[in-house]
Amino acid sequence: MKRQPLDDSFKVNRNPVTLREIVLDKLRSAIISFQLLPGDRLVERDLCDRLGVSRTSVREALRHLESEGLVEFADAKGPRVAIITLEDARDIYELRCVLEGLIVQLFTLNAKAKDIRALEKALEENRKALEEGELQQVIDSVQGFYDVLLEGSGNQVAATQLRQLQARISYLRATSVSQENRRGASNQEMEKIVAAIKSGDPLAAHQACVDHVRAAAKVALDYLRAKHSDSSKIREIATPIALKEPRIGH
């Protein structure tokens, strides 16, 4: 991945009510958009100067990012941007296959007409973002697509589990869609998910979703393997079995 420059937009405009959230969002975005790379040391004094905030705000944000898996306090040298291993990435994609496959099935069964219209709009936003080529905009548009699916699925527990992984999912998503051979394919796969949902076929929607996640996983894992010169073999991602009727009580 190519390091992107930190520009003036990285500095925080002070607002006491939301300062902690702003600092957190700035740091998270800098990591996900490769302005801060895996293994980079996160020196509090430097971050305070760049962000224009106190050490307390930076320290709180770093601890929160540690809970999200984007920052690690590995040794006495202090925090650094977390390095996601091949095994970590595989496990995240594997869990995505299970949870997102279920979410898409439930959305197909439970979504109202307005939910499907919102999903089509989110798909179009993703297409526009891909054309414009801004990485953060692409990531945000994909997340917008999934937000519609999560909301319309009717299973808030599964949605919560996915949101707890959201930071690392976004980082891996950025890793995959930043590859030229992935961007167009990603939107086409999302189109297949929407088409299956509109046809009212939950099993086809599940399969389209799993195919989408597995395709993204291959690109991201191949990239991470090459970047770290890691020739070791890891267990393949398991393919979840779709339930013909995922709703309990029907």
Foldseek 3Di string as FASTA:
>chain_A
DDADADDLVLADDDDPVCLLVSPLVSVLVCDLLRNFDAPAADDLVVSCVSHVHDSVSNVVSLVVVVLLVQWDQDDPSGIGGHDQDLVNLLVLLLLCLVLVLLLLLLLLVQPDPVLLVQLVVLLVQLVVCVVVPDLVSNLVSVVSNVVSSQVSSPDVVSVVVCVSNVSVVSSLLSLQCVDPVRSVVLSVLSVQLSVCSVVSNSVSNSVSSSVNSLVSSVRSSVVNCVVVVPPDDDDHRDRDDDDNDPDPPD
